[in-house]
C-alpha atoms as a PDB file:
ATOM      1  CA  MET A   1      -1.616 -47.510   3.551  1.00  0.00           C
ATOM      2  CA  THR A   2      -0.339 -47.370   6.128  1.00  0.00           C
ATOM      3  CA  ALA A   3       1.468 -49.864   8.823  1.00  0.00           C
ATOM      4  CA  THR A   4       2.573 -49.525  11.220  1.00  0.00           C
ATOM      5  CA  ILE A   5       6.406 -50.376  11.198  1.00  0.00           C
ATOM      6  CA  THR A   6       8.171 -53.532  13.668  1.00  0.00           C
ATOM      7  CA  ALA A   7      11.103 -54.722  14.803  1.00  0.00           C
ATOM      8  CA  PRO A   8      12.185 -57.582  13.065  1.00  0.00           C
ATOM      9  CA  ALA A   9      10.421 -61.220  13.846  1.00  0.00           C
ATOM     10  CA  THR A  10      11.575 -63.970  14.185  1.00  0.00           C
ATOM     11  CA  THR A  11       9.954 -65.941  10.959  1.00  0.00           C
ATOM     12  CA  GLU A  12      10.626 -67.697   8.131  1.00  0.00           C
ATOM     13  CA  GLU A  13      10.525 -64.842   5.390  1.00  0.00           C
ATOM     14  CA  ALA A  14      12.136 -61.467   5.476  1.00  0.00           C
ATOM     15  CA  PRO A  15      10.744 -58.665   5.897  1.00  0.00           C
ATOM     16  CA  LEU A  16       9.136 -56.578   2.454  1.00  0.00           C
ATOM     17  CA  TYR A  17      12.358 -54.045   2.188  1.00  0.00           C
ATOM     18  CA  ARG A  18      14.105 -57.495   2.102  1.00  0.00           C
ATOM     19  CA  ARG A  19      12.289 -59.217  -0.237  1.00  0.00           C
ATOM     20  CA  ALA A  20      12.235 -56.567  -2.688  1.00  0.00           C
ATOM     21  CA  GLU A  21      15.708 -55.312  -2.856  1.00  0.00           C
ATOM     22  CA  THR A  22      15.188 -52.593  -1.087  1.00  0.00           C
ATOM     23  CA  ARG A  23      16.823 -50.185   1.246  1.00  0.00           C
ATOM     24  CA  LEU A  24      14.379 -47.965   4.447  1.00  0.00           C
ATOM     25  CA  ALA A  25      14.723 -44.513   3.931  1.00  0.00           C
ATOM     26  CA  VAL A  26      13.048 -41.912   4.719  1.00  0.00           C
ATOM     27  CA  VAL A  27      12.095 -38.502   3.055  1.00  0.00           C
ATOM     28  CA  GLY A  28      12.464 -34.992   4.379  1.00  0.00           C
ATOM     29  CA  LYS A  29      10.932 -34.705   8.318  1.00  0.00           C
ATOM     30  CA  GLY A  30       8.437 -36.959   7.319  1.00  0.00           C
ATOM     31  CA  LYS A  31       7.077 -40.248   9.705  1.00  0.00           C
ATOM     32  CA  ARG A  32       7.128 -42.042   6.901  1.00  0.00           C
ATOM     33  CA  ILE A  33       9.550 -45.230   6.374  1.00  0.00           C
ATOM     34  CA  HIS A  34       9.918 -45.165   2.275  1.00  0.00           C
ATOM     35  CA  TYR A  35      12.041 -48.086   0.236  1.00  0.00           C
ATOM     36  CA  SER A  36      14.942 -47.444  -2.036  1.00  0.00           C
ATOM     37  CA  ALA A  37      16.211 -49.188  -4.809  1.00  0.00           C
ATOM     38  CA  THR A  38      18.457 -46.592  -6.499  1.00  0.00           C
ATOM     39  CA  ASP A  39      18.187 -42.828  -5.585  1.00  0.00           C
ATOM     40  CA  ASP A  40      14.898 -42.142  -5.017  1.00  0.00           C
ATOM     41  CA  THR A  41      12.200 -43.637  -3.299  1.00  0.00           C
ATOM     42  CA  LEU A  42       9.682 -46.416  -4.974  1.00  0.00           C
ATOM     43  CA  CYS A  43       7.416 -43.605  -4.810  1.00  0.00           C
ATOM     44  CA  GLY A  44       9.897 -41.036  -6.952  1.00  0.00           C
ATOM     45  CA  LYS A  45      10.615 -38.975  -4.790  1.00  0.00           C
ATOM     46  CA  ALA A  46      14.114 -38.085  -3.199  1.00  0.00           C
ATOM     47  CA  ILE A  47      16.265 -38.888   0.040  1.00  0.00           C
ATOM     48  CA  THR A  48      16.824 -37.577   3.272  1.00  0.00           C
ATOM     49  CA  ARG A  49      18.907 -40.069   4.826  1.00  0.00           C
ATOM     50  CA  TYR A  50      18.514 -43.986   5.382  1.00  0.00           C
ATOM     51  CA  THR A  51      17.648 -45.872   8.060  1.00  0.00           C
ATOM     52  CA  ASP A  52      16.884 -49.264   9.364  1.00  0.00           C
ATOM     53  CA  VAL A  53      13.797 -51.473  10.905  1.00  0.00           C
ATOM     54  CA  GLU A  54      14.895 -50.983  14.645  1.00  0.00           C
ATOM     55  CA  GLU A  55      15.369 -46.688  14.485  1.00  0.00           C
ATOM     56  CA  ALA A  56      12.009 -47.161  12.741  1.00  0.00           C
ATOM     57  CA  ALA A  57      10.214 -49.783  14.310  1.00  0.00           C
ATOM     58  CA  THR A  58      11.526 -47.311  18.187  1.00  0.00           C
ATOM     59  CA  LEU A  59      10.074 -44.366  16.655  1.00  0.00           C
ATOM     60  CA  GLY A  60       6.853 -45.646  15.515  1.00  0.00           C
ATOM     61  CA  TYR A  61       6.889 -44.130  12.222  1.00  0.00           C
ATOM     62  CA  GLU A  62       4.950 -45.988   9.064  1.00  0.00           C
ATOM     63  CA  HIS A  63       5.360 -47.160   5.981  1.00  0.00           C
ATOM     64  CA  CYS A  64       4.586 -45.565   2.401  1.00  0.00           C
ATOM     65  CA  GLY A  65       1.205 -47.457   1.439  1.00  0.00           C
ATOM     66  CA  ARG A  66       3.062 -46.330  -2.739  1.00  0.00           C
ATOM     67  CA  CYS A  67       6.412 -47.793  -1.443  1.00  0.00           C
ATOM     68  CA  ILE A  68       4.371 -50.487  -0.118  1.00  0.00           C
ATOM     69  CA  ARG A  69       2.991 -51.664  -3.598  1.00  0.00           C
ATOM     70  CA  ALA A  70       5.326 -50.974  -5.565  1.00  0.00           C
ATOM     71  CA  ALA A  71       8.045 -53.316  -3.256  1.00  0.00           C
ATOM     72  CA  GLU A  72       5.625 -55.993  -3.328  1.00  0.00           C
ATOM     73  CA  ASP A  73       5.519 -55.855  -7.282  1.00  0.00           C
ATOM     74  CA  ARG A  74       9.531 -55.880  -7.053  1.00  0.00           C
ATOM     75  CA  ALA A  75       9.431 -58.683  -4.785  1.00  0.00           C
ATOM     76  CA  TYR A  76       6.826 -60.769  -6.811  1.00  0.00           C
ATOM     77  CA  SER A  77       9.368 -61.166  -9.512  1.00  0.00           C
ATOM     78  CA  ILE A  78      12.551 -60.859  -7.895  1.00  0.00           C
ATOM     79  CA  SER A  79      11.313 -63.943  -6.335  1.00  0.00           C
ATOM     80  CA  LEU A  80      10.117 -65.554  -9.857  1.00  0.00           C
ATOM     81  CA  ALA A  81      13.272 -64.591 -11.494  1.00  0.00           C
ATOM     82  CA  GLY A  82      14.758 -66.322  -8.387  1.00  0.00           C
ATOM     83  CA  ALA A  83      12.617 -70.090 -10.466  1.00  0.00           C
ATOM     84  CA  SER A  84      12.951 -68.845 -13.790  1.00  0.00           C
ATOM     85  CA  PRO A  85      16.200 -67.619 -16.002  1.00  0.00           C
ATOM     86  CA  LEU A  86      13.576 -65.687 -18.007  1.00  0.00           C
ATOM     87  CA  MET A  87      12.532 -64.195 -15.746  1.00  0.00           C
ATOM     88  CA  ALA A  88      15.934 -63.252 -13.982  1.00  0.00           C
ATOM     89  CA  ALA A  89      16.383 -61.169 -17.630  1.00  0.00           C
ATOM     90  CA  LEU A  90      13.620 -59.709 -17.248  1.00  0.00           C
ATOM     91  CA  HIS A  91      13.794 -58.098 -13.881  1.00  0.00           C
ATOM     92  CA  ASP A  92      17.478 -57.015 -14.640  1.00  0.00           C
ATOM     93  CA  VAL A  93      15.515 -55.172 -17.638  1.00  0.00           C
ATOM     94  CA  VAL A  94      13.135 -53.778 -15.221  1.00  0.00           C
ATOM     95  CA  ASP A  95      15.911 -52.722 -13.089  1.00  0.00           C
ATOM     96  CA  THR A  96      17.833 -51.068 -15.192  1.00  0.00           C
ATOM     97  CA  VAL A  97      15.289 -48.937 -16.671  1.00  0.00           C
ATOM     98  CA  GLU A  98      14.445 -47.680 -13.399  1.00  0.00           C
ATOM     99  CA  ALA A  99      18.041 -46.300 -13.278  1.00  0.00           C
ATOM    100  CA  VAL A 100      17.466 -45.105 -16.318  1.00  0.00           C
ATOM    101  CA  ASP A 101      14.324 -43.641 -15.399  1.00  0.00           C
ATOM    102  CA  ALA A 102      15.452 -42.187 -11.349  1.00  0.00           C
ATOM    103  CA  ALA A 103      18.976 -40.797 -13.876  1.00  0.00           C
ATOM    104  CA  ARG A 104      16.298 -38.772 -16.038  1.00  0.00           C
ATOM    105  CA  ARG A 105      14.640 -37.406 -12.975  1.00  0.00           C
ATOM    106  CA  ASP A 106      18.039 -36.035 -11.700  1.00  0.00           C
ATOM    107  CA  LEU A 107      18.663 -33.924 -15.130  1.00  0.00           C
ATOM    108  CA  PRO A 108      17.307 -30.387 -14.644  1.00  0.00           C
ATOM    109  CA  THR A 109      13.884 -29.216 -16.902  1.00  0.00           C
ATOM    110  CA  VAL A 110      14.041 -26.629 -19.703  1.00  0.00           C
ATOM    111  CA  GLY A 111      12.183 -23.980 -17.147  1.00  0.00           C
ATOM    112  CA  GLN A 112      15.267 -24.272 -14.588  1.00  0.00           C
ATOM    113  CA  MET A 113      17.734 -23.877 -17.274  1.00  0.00           C
ATOM    114  CA  THR A 114      16.243 -20.768 -18.509  1.00  0.00           C
ATOM    115  CA  THR A 115      15.473 -19.372 -15.440  1.00  0.00           C
ATOM    116  CA  LEU A 116      19.239 -20.478 -14.250  1.00  0.00           C
ATOM    117  CA  ALA A 117      20.620 -18.751 -17.325  1.00  0.00           C
ATOM    118  CA  ARG A 118      18.585 -15.639 -16.862  1.00  0.00           C
ATOM    119  CA  LEU A 119      19.459 -15.293 -12.688  1.00  0.00           C
ATOM    120  CA  LEU A 120      22.631 -15.894 -13.654  1.00  0.00           C
ATOM    121  CA  ASP A 121      23.336 -13.001 -16.432  1.00  0.00           C
ATOM    122  CA  GLU A 122      21.086 -10.628 -14.008  1.00  0.00           C
ATOM    123  CA  LEU A 123      23.784 -11.272 -11.359  1.00  0.00           C
ATOM    124  CA  ALA A 124      26.396 -10.732 -13.218  1.00  0.00           C
ATOM    125  CA  ASP A 125      27.799  -7.857 -11.636  1.00  0.00           C
ATOM    126  CA  ALA A 126      26.675  -9.299  -7.805  1.00  0.00           C
ATOM    127  CA  THR A 127      29.245  -9.152  -4.704  1.00  0.00           C
ATOM    128  CA  GLY A 128      29.581 -11.379  -1.978  1.00  0.00           C
ATOM    129  CA  GLU A 129      27.381 -14.759  -1.424  1.00  0.00           C
ATOM    130  CA  ALA A 130      25.047 -14.045  -4.209  1.00  0.00           C
ATOM    131  CA  ALA A 131      28.957 -13.999  -6.221  1.00  0.00           C
ATOM    132  CA  THR A 132      29.455 -17.381  -5.334  1.00  0.00           C
ATOM    133  CA  HIS A 133      26.500 -18.353  -5.053  1.00  0.00           C
ATOM    134  CA  ARG A 134      26.360 -17.587  -9.165  1.00  0.00           C
ATOM    135  CA  ASP A 135      29.996 -19.245  -9.410  1.00  0.00           C
ATOM    136  CA  ASN A 136      29.222 -22.342  -8.342  1.00  0.00           C
ATOM    137  CA  ALA A 137      26.285 -22.454 -10.435  1.00  0.00           C
ATOM    138  CA  ARG A 138      27.871 -21.649 -13.748  1.00  0.00           C
ATOM    139  CA  LEU A 139      30.650 -24.542 -12.630  1.00  0.00           C
ATOM    140  CA  LEU A 140      28.181 -27.133 -12.880  1.00  0.00           C
ATOM    141  CA  LEU A 141      26.617 -25.319 -16.024  1.00  0.00           C
ATOM    142  CA  ALA A 142      29.947 -25.469 -17.457  1.00  0.00           C
ATOM    143  CA  ASN A 143      31.366 -29.265 -15.967  1.00  0.00           C
ATOM    144  CA  HIS A 144      27.790 -30.696 -17.555  1.00  0.00           C
ATOM    145  CA  ASP A 145      26.997 -31.236 -13.426  1.00  0.00           C
ATOM    146  CA  MET A 146      24.104 -29.210 -12.665  1.00  0.00           C
ATOM    147  CA  THR A 147      21.354 -32.525 -11.739  1.00  0.00           C
ATOM    148  CA  PHE A 148      17.797 -31.056 -10.912  1.00  0.00           C
ATOM    149  CA  ARG A 149      18.053 -30.973  -7.121  1.00  0.00           C
ATOM    150  CA  LEU A 150      21.423 -28.581  -7.710  1.00  0.00           C
ATOM    151  CA  ALA A 151      19.287 -27.013  -9.760  1.00  0.00           C
ATOM    152  CA  SER A 152      16.426 -26.255  -7.854  1.00  0.00           C
ATOM    153  CA  THR A 153      19.148 -25.320  -4.642  1.00  0.00           C
ATOM    154  CA  TYR A 154      20.777 -22.394  -6.614  1.00  0.00           C
ATOM    155  CA  LEU A 155      17.636 -21.500  -7.534  1.00  0.00           C
ATOM    156  CA  ASP A 156      16.308 -21.296  -4.678  1.00  0.00           C
ATOM    157  CA  ARG A 157      19.724 -19.313  -3.710  1.00  0.00           C
ATOM    158  CA  LEU A 158      20.207 -17.019  -6.598  1.00  0.00           C
ATOM    159  CA  ILE A 159      16.663 -16.009  -6.792  1.00  0.00           C
ATOM    160  CA  PRO A 160      16.733 -13.465  -3.221  1.00  0.00           C
ATOM    161  CA  ALA A 161      19.168 -12.708  -4.872  1.00  0.00           C
ATOM    162  CA  ALA A 162      18.271 -11.402  -7.548  1.00  0.00           C
ATOM    163  CA  ARG A 163      15.695  -9.338  -6.264  1.00  0.00           C
ATOM    164  CA  ALA A 164      17.526  -7.940  -3.783  1.00  0.00           C
ATOM    165  CA  LEU A 165      19.376  -6.564  -6.627  1.00  0.00           C
ATOM    166  CA  ARG A 166      16.430  -5.604  -8.113  1.00  0.00           C
ATOM    167  CA  ALA A 167      14.946  -4.050  -4.873  1.00  0.00           C
ATOM    168  CA  GLU A 168      18.036  -2.540  -4.359  1.00  0.00           C
ATOM    169  CA  ALA A 169      17.822  -0.617  -8.463  1.00  0.00           C
ATOM    170  CA  ALA A 170      14.140   0.017  -7.807  1.00  0.00           C
ATOM    171  CA  ALA A 171      15.430   2.433  -4.592  1.00  0.00           C
ATOM    172  CA  ALA A 172      18.425   3.860  -6.269  1.00  0.00           C
ATOM    173  CA  ARG A 173      16.369   5.158  -9.472  1.00  0.00           C
ATOM    174  CA  ALA A 174      13.717   6.414  -7.399  1.00  0.00           C
ATOM    175  CA  ALA A 175      16.406   8.380  -5.465  1.00  0.00           C
ATOM    176  CA  ASN A 176      17.669   9.734  -8.508  1.00  0.00           C
ATOM    177  CA  ASP A 177      14.209  10.667  -9.783  1.00  0.00           C
ATOM    178  CA  GLN A 178      13.544  12.243  -6.728  1.00  0.00           C
ATOM    179  CA  ALA A 179      16.600  14.531  -6.962  1.00  0.00           C
ATOM    180  CA  ALA A 180      15.795  15.221 -10.358  1.00  0.00           C
ATOM    181  CA  ALA A 181      12.627  16.742  -8.944  1.00  0.00           C
ATOM    182  CA  LYS A 182      14.176  18.739  -6.654  1.00  0.00           C
ATOM    183  CA  ALA A 183      16.022  20.254  -9.026  1.00  0.00           C
ATOM    184  CA  ALA A 184      13.582  20.773 -11.581  1.00  0.00           C
ATOM    185  CA  ALA A 185      11.905  22.511  -9.246  1.00  0.00           C
ATOM    186  CA  ALA A 186      14.447  25.217  -8.456  1.00  0.00           C
ATOM    187  CA  LEU A 187      14.255  25.906 -12.264  1.00  0.00           C
ATOM    188  CA  GLU A 188      12.863  28.593 -14.082  1.00  0.00           C
ATOM    189  CA  PRO A 189      11.123  29.869 -17.510  1.00  0.00           C
ATOM    190  CA  GLY A 190      14.712  30.847 -19.924  1.00  0.00           C
ATOM    191  CA  MET A 191      17.040  29.779 -21.855  1.00  0.00           C
ATOM    192  CA  TYR A 192      19.254  27.071 -20.580  1.00  0.00           C
ATOM    193  CA  ALA A 193      22.697  25.168 -22.289  1.00  0.00           C
ATOM    194  CA  ARG A 194      23.700  21.833 -21.205  1.00  0.00           C
ATOM    195  CA  ASP A 195      25.883  19.530 -23.315  1.00  0.00           C
ATOM    196  CA  GLY A 196      26.581  21.864 -26.097  1.00  0.00           C
ATOM    197  CA  ARG A 197      22.964  22.403 -26.553  1.00  0.00           C
ATOM    198  CA  VAL A 198      20.539  24.957 -25.816  1.00  0.00           C
ATOM    199  CA  TYR A 199      17.287  24.858 -24.265  1.00  0.00           C
ATOM    200  CA  ARG A 200      14.316  26.448 -23.752  1.00  0.00           C
ATOM    201  CA  VAL A 201      12.428  26.178 -20.315  1.00  0.00           C
ATOM    202  CA  VAL A 202       8.914  26.923 -20.720  1.00  0.00           C
ATOM    203  CA  LEU A 203       5.990  27.158 -18.298  1.00  0.00           C
ATOM    204  CA  SER A 204       3.556  25.331 -19.343  1.00  0.00           C
ATOM    205  CA  GLU A 205      -0.842  26.126 -19.149  1.00  0.00           C
ATOM    206  CA  ALA A 206      -0.890  23.481 -16.819  1.00  0.00           C
ATOM    207  CA  GLY A 207       1.314  25.192 -15.017  1.00  0.00           C
ATOM    208  CA  ARG A 208       4.122  22.273 -15.620  1.00  0.00           C
ATOM    209  CA  LEU A 209       7.845  23.325 -16.720  1.00  0.00           C
ATOM    210  CA  TYR A 210       8.643  21.157 -20.116  1.00  0.00           C
ATOM    211  CA  ALA A 211      12.074  21.633 -22.498  1.00  0.00           C
ATOM    212  CA  LYS A 212      12.429  22.518 -25.878  1.00  0.00           C
ATOM    213  CA  VAL A 213      16.194  21.936 -27.313  1.00  0.00           C
ATOM    214  CA  TRP A 214      17.620  24.810 -30.355  1.00  0.00           C
ATOM    215  CA  ALA A 215      17.424  22.075 -33.633  1.00  0.00           C
ATOM    216  CA  GLU A 216      19.616  23.489 -36.514  1.00  0.00           C
ATOM    217  CA  GLY A 217      16.579  22.737 -39.140  1.00  0.00           C
ATOM    218  CA  ASP A 218      17.340  21.633 -42.688  1.00  0.00           C
ATOM    219  CA  ASP A 219      16.366  22.655 -46.654  1.00  0.00           C
ATOM    220  CA  ASP A 220      12.728  21.579 -45.421  1.00  0.00           C
ATOM    221  CA  THR A 221      13.121  22.606 -41.881  1.00  0.00           C
ATOM    222  CA  PRO A 222      13.379  25.662 -40.630  1.00  0.00           C
ATOM    223  CA  PRO A 223      15.398  25.655 -37.355  1.00  0.00           C
ATOM    224  CA  SER A 224      13.552  26.210 -34.475  1.00  0.00           C
ATOM    225  CA  PHE A 225      13.409  25.070 -30.838  1.00  0.00           C
ATOM    226  CA  GLU A 226      11.708  21.276 -30.395  1.00  0.00           C
ATOM    227  CA  PHE A 227      10.043  18.960 -27.800  1.00  0.00           C
ATOM    228  CA  ALA A 228      12.403  17.296 -26.292  1.00  0.00           C
ATOM    229  CA  PRO A 229      11.369  14.839 -23.661  1.00  0.00           C
ATOM    230  CA  GLY A 230      12.446  13.872 -20.618  1.00  0.00           C
ATOM    231  CA  ALA A 231      15.246  16.990 -20.742  1.00  0.00           C
ATOM    232  CA  ILE A 232      13.674  18.816 -18.290  1.00  0.00           C
ATOM    233  CA  ARG A 233      15.176  16.349 -15.692  1.00  0.00           C
ATOM    234  CA  HIS A 234      18.376  16.658 -16.664  1.00  0.00           C
ATOM    235  CA  LEU A 235      18.946  20.554 -16.612  1.00  0.00           C
ATOM    236  CA  ARG A 236      19.674  22.185 -13.232  1.00  0.00           C
ATOM    237  CA  PRO A 237      19.605  26.296 -12.140  1.00  0.00           C
ATOM    238  CA  GLU A 238      23.344  26.683 -13.036  1.00  0.00           C
ATOM    239  CA  HIS A 239      22.447  25.476 -16.767  1.00  0.00           C
ATOM    240  CA  ARG A 240      20.791  28.772 -17.124  1.00  0.00           C
ATOM    241  CA  MET A 241      22.250  30.375 -19.696  1.00  0.00           C
ATOM    242  CA  SER A 242      23.143  34.701 -18.698  1.00  0.00           C
ATOM    243  CA  ALA A 243      22.444  36.806 -21.344  1.00  0.00           C
ATOM    244  CA  GLU A 244      25.210  37.848 -22.462  1.00  0.00           C
ATOM    245  CA  ASP A 245      25.576  33.853 -23.327  1.00  0.00           C
ATOM    246  CA  ALA A 246      21.788  34.543 -24.733  1.00  0.00           C
ATOM    247  CA  LYS A 247      23.319  37.336 -27.235  1.00  0.00           C
ATOM    248  CA  ALA A 248      26.721  34.979 -28.491  1.00  0.00           C
ATOM    249  CA  TYR A 249      24.321  31.671 -28.955  1.00  0.00           C
ATOM    250  CA  SER A 250      22.233  34.019 -31.021  1.00  0.00           C
ATOM    251  CA  ARG A 251      24.091  35.936 -33.067  1.00  0.00           C
ATOM    252  CA  ARG A 252      25.580  32.363 -34.747  1.00  0.00           C
ATOM    253  CA  ILE A 253      22.409  30.838 -34.896  1.00  0.00           C
ATOM    254  CA  GLY A 254      21.490  33.805 -37.005  1.00  0.00           C
ATOM    255  CA  ALA A 255      17.818  33.625 -34.576  1.00  0.00           C
ATOM    256  CA  CYS A 256      16.302  34.686 -32.118  1.00  0.00           C
ATOM    257  CA  CYS A 257      17.897  32.394 -29.249  1.00  0.00           C
ATOM    258  CA  VAL A 258      14.096  32.649 -27.296  1.00  0.00           C
ATOM    259  CA  CYS A 259      11.633  32.039 -29.978  1.00  0.00           C
ATOM    260  CA  GLY A 260      13.589  30.733 -32.962  1.00  0.00           C
ATOM    261  CA  LYS A 261      12.773  33.001 -35.334  1.00  0.00           C
ATOM    262  CA  THR A 262      15.435  34.722 -37.672  1.00  0.00           C
ATOM    263  CA  LEU A 263      15.863  38.785 -36.858  1.00  0.00           C
ATOM    264  CA  THR A 264      16.493  41.253 -39.429  1.00  0.00           C
ATOM    265  CA  ASP A 265      16.549  44.144 -36.900  1.00  0.00           C
ATOM    266  CA  PRO A 266      19.091  45.280 -36.652  1.00  0.00           C
ATOM    267  CA  ALA A 267      19.066  46.069 -33.090  1.00  0.00           C
ATOM    268  CA  SER A 268      17.533  43.134 -32.267  1.00  0.00           C
ATOM    269  CA  ILE A 269      20.186  41.603 -34.059  1.00  0.00           C
ATOM    270  CA  GLU A 270      23.107  43.588 -32.389  1.00  0.00           C
ATOM    271  CA  ARG A 271      20.929  42.199 -29.049  1.00  0.00           C
ATOM    272  CA  GLY A 272      20.848  39.178 -30.263  1.00  0.00           C
ATOM    273  CA  ILE A 273      17.470  38.384 -28.960  1.00  0.00           C
ATOM    274  CA  GLY A 274      14.038  39.786 -30.391  1.00  0.00           C
ATOM    275  CA  PRO A 275      12.026  42.108 -29.227  1.00  0.00           C
ATOM    276  CA  VAL A 276       9.293  39.705 -27.575  1.00  0.00           C
ATOM    277  CA  CYS A 277      11.716  37.929 -26.225  1.00  0.00           C
ATOM    278  CA  ALA A 278      14.110  39.757 -24.502  1.00  0.00           C
ATOM    279  CA  ASP A 279      12.411  39.999 -20.928  1.00  0.00           C
ATOM    280  CA  LYS A 280      12.356  36.281 -21.830  1.00  0.00           C
ATOM    281  CA  VAL A 281      15.952  35.588 -20.484  1.00  0.00           C
END
């Protein structure tokens, strides 16, 4: 139901918005006139600005049909309230309920609060404009001043900031992975030492390099080189052990530092590497 609004004519009956004790309002960029008795329209929308009948008539705006029906109900109850103390009391109750309902609608939802909490945590180290929005949202939450509309506003600001931060982190990871892959491509099979641990780089049957790390073993497990997932990405050509370093390490562990087998031959013990593995370092 729509009706073009016109400037008030000289009649005995006041315009509907006055009889309903409401104000005229506009929502967004729409060209409809809404009626408001609280901070929202009678049809439940957030008000962008208030207007008057002259402006509406000049611009040719139309009435919102839902607001008209709600205003007619209000005008009727107000007219009854003027003739009966009981109806006047009922009208006050209706106004109170509408005000409470409007306040309830202005509270942030559980979904909004959950998303805000996640974003604030995600943007803990953000800088610049994102940090300003983050700190303002935190202050509103701390003071219990966050409303539905403010939550929507800050979600609109923080979500793009979080997406940008994720994109930067993803780009950094991709760059690191690319650098690691480039460095790994320069490796050759052999022995490597990094951060106090010794690795053996091996060429798989599929033609890919992977790393094993020396494990001391225990009473039930003999010492050996064990597969080290992801270790190949952290090794660099400068970590490769020289033959002398491999010998010294072999003497310390009492086993061939290439294959991990215990050395028994005096010549192999002296070399620190078994005869078969000597060419692998």
